[in-house]
Protein backbone atom coordinates (compact mmCIF):
# COMPACT_ATOMS: atom_id res chain seq x y z
CA UNK A 1 15.65 69.15 6.69
CA UNK A 2 16.45 66.70 9.44
CA UNK A 3 18.94 64.05 10.34
CA UNK A 4 18.89 60.95 11.55
CA UNK A 5 15.93 58.05 12.66
CA UNK A 6 12.83 59.65 13.09
CA UNK A 7 11.31 59.30 16.68
CA UNK A 8 9.08 56.21 17.97
CA UNK A 9 7.26 58.82 20.51
CA UNK A 10 6.14 62.31 20.68
CA UNK A 11 9.67 63.30 21.16
CA UNK A 12 12.85 61.93 20.78
CA UNK A 13 14.72 59.78 23.28
CA UNK A 14 17.45 61.26 25.54
CA UNK A 15 20.92 59.67 25.62
CA UNK A 16 20.05 57.67 28.75
CA UNK A 17 17.11 56.18 27.38
CA UNK A 18 18.61 55.88 24.22
CA UNK A 19 21.88 54.15 26.43
CA UNK A 20 19.27 52.20 28.18
CA UNK A 21 17.60 50.70 25.00
CA UNK A 22 20.65 49.46 23.39
CA UNK A 23 22.03 48.45 26.73
CA UNK A 24 18.83 46.01 27.14
CA UNK A 25 19.29 45.19 23.51
CA UNK A 26 22.70 43.99 23.77
CA UNK A 27 22.53 42.42 27.36
CA UNK A 28 19.81 39.61 25.45
CA UNK A 29 22.44 38.34 23.20
CA UNK A 30 25.47 38.81 25.50
CA UNK A 31 23.73 36.09 28.00
CA UNK A 32 25.15 33.24 28.72
CA UNK A 33 22.83 30.00 27.40
CA UNK A 34 21.77 27.34 29.63
CA UNK A 35 24.29 25.01 27.81
CA UNK A 36 27.01 27.32 28.76
CA UNK A 37 26.90 27.78 32.35
CA UNK A 38 29.23 31.05 33.79
CA UNK A 39 32.68 30.28 34.33
CA UNK A 40 34.04 31.45 37.77
CA UNK A 41 37.40 31.28 38.72
CA UNK A 42 38.40 28.02 40.10
CA UNK A 43 35.64 26.39 38.94
CA UNK A 44 35.63 23.56 36.73
CA UNK A 45 32.73 23.11 34.27
CA UNK A 46 32.20 19.18 33.29
CA UNK A 47 28.55 18.96 33.35
CA UNK A 48 28.30 20.03 28.98
CA UNK A 49 31.91 17.78 28.24
CA UNK A 50 32.06 14.36 28.17
CA UNK A 51 34.82 12.43 30.07
CA UNK A 52 38.32 11.73 29.25
CA UNK A 53 38.35 8.19 28.41
CA UNK A 54 34.91 8.93 25.93
CA UNK A 55 36.67 11.40 24.36
CA UNK A 56 39.41 9.14 23.56
CA UNK A 57 37.13 6.35 22.67
CA UNK A 58 35.43 9.36 20.17
CA UNK A 59 38.51 10.63 18.72
CA UNK A 60 40.01 6.92 18.17
CA UNK A 61 36.77 6.05 16.20
CA UNK A 62 37.00 8.83 14.43
CA UNK A 63 40.15 8.07 12.59
CA UNK A 64 39.43 4.40 11.93
CA UNK A 65 36.38 6.21 9.96
CA UNK A 66 38.62 8.55 8.31
CA UNK A 67 41.14 6.12 7.36
CA UNK A 68 38.38 4.03 5.93
CA UNK A 69 37.23 7.24 3.66
CA UNK A 70 40.72 7.61 3.13
CA UNK A 71 41.57 4.03 1.88
CA UNK A 72 38.34 4.12 0.04
CA UNK A 73 39.96 7.38 -1.78
CA UNK A 74 43.04 5.29 -2.55
CA UNK A 75 40.88 2.70 -4.50
CA UNK A 76 39.01 4.96 -6.65
CA UNK A 77 42.36 7.05 -7.37
CA UNK A 78 43.35 5.93 -10.98
CA UNK A 79 46.47 3.84 -11.21
CA UNK A 80 48.43 6.90 -12.92
CA UNK A 81 48.35 9.14 -10.00
CA UNK A 82 49.16 7.03 -7.33
CA UNK A 83 52.71 7.33 -7.68
CA UNK A 84 52.00 11.50 -6.98
CA UNK A 85 52.15 13.18 -3.71
CA UNK A 86 48.46 12.63 -3.30
CA UNK A 87 48.48 8.98 -3.66
CA UNK A 88 51.72 8.52 -1.60
CA UNK A 89 49.86 10.49 1.18
CA UNK A 90 46.69 7.96 0.99
CA UNK A 91 49.05 5.13 0.86
CA UNK A 92 50.42 6.34 4.10
CA UNK A 93 47.22 6.98 6.05
CA UNK A 94 46.26 3.45 4.94
CA UNK A 95 49.20 1.80 6.20
CA UNK A 96 48.83 2.74 9.53
CA UNK A 97 48.00 0.53 12.51
CA UNK A 98 45.02 1.97 14.40
CA UNK A 99 44.48 -1.06 16.05
CA UNK A 100 46.88 0.16 19.00
CA UNK A 101 45.42 3.48 19.71
CA UNK A 102 41.84 1.48 19.76
CA UNK A 103 43.76 -1.48 22.01
CA UNK A 104 44.86 1.89 24.64
CA UNK A 105 42.15 2.52 27.76
CA UNK A 106 42.87 5.89 29.04
CA UNK A 107 43.14 6.36 33.03
CA UNK A 108 39.99 7.23 34.38
CA UNK A 109 41.97 9.07 37.23
CA UNK A 110 41.84 9.54 41.05
CA UNK A 111 41.89 5.83 41.76
CA UNK A 112 38.97 4.94 39.72
CA UNK A 113 41.28 3.10 37.49
C-alpha cells in the first residue's frame, strides 16, 4: 500500500522540484509588505513612524483618556469597596495631575526647536 501524498502529475516530484515549490510558497509569505520596507544597516526607517513630538502628544492624550476611564470606574465603584486595593489604586490614578505632562512640548531636535 503506497504511503504519502498522491502525485499531482503523471509522476512523483523529484526532491529538487519539491524544494523549489516549498521555497516559492514560503518566499511569498516572508516577503516584506510595502508598509514595512526592509531595513538596511545604518538606515533609519521613519517613513512609517510618526515623529517623536507627535508620539508624545498621542501618548499624553491616551493617558488623559485612560485617567477619565479610571475616574468613571472609581465613581461607579460601590462605597464599601473603595477602601480596598482596587479603590486605592483608582484613587491614586484619579489624583494624578496630568496637566504637567500635557504642558510639555518635547524638542524637535537638530536646530528645529
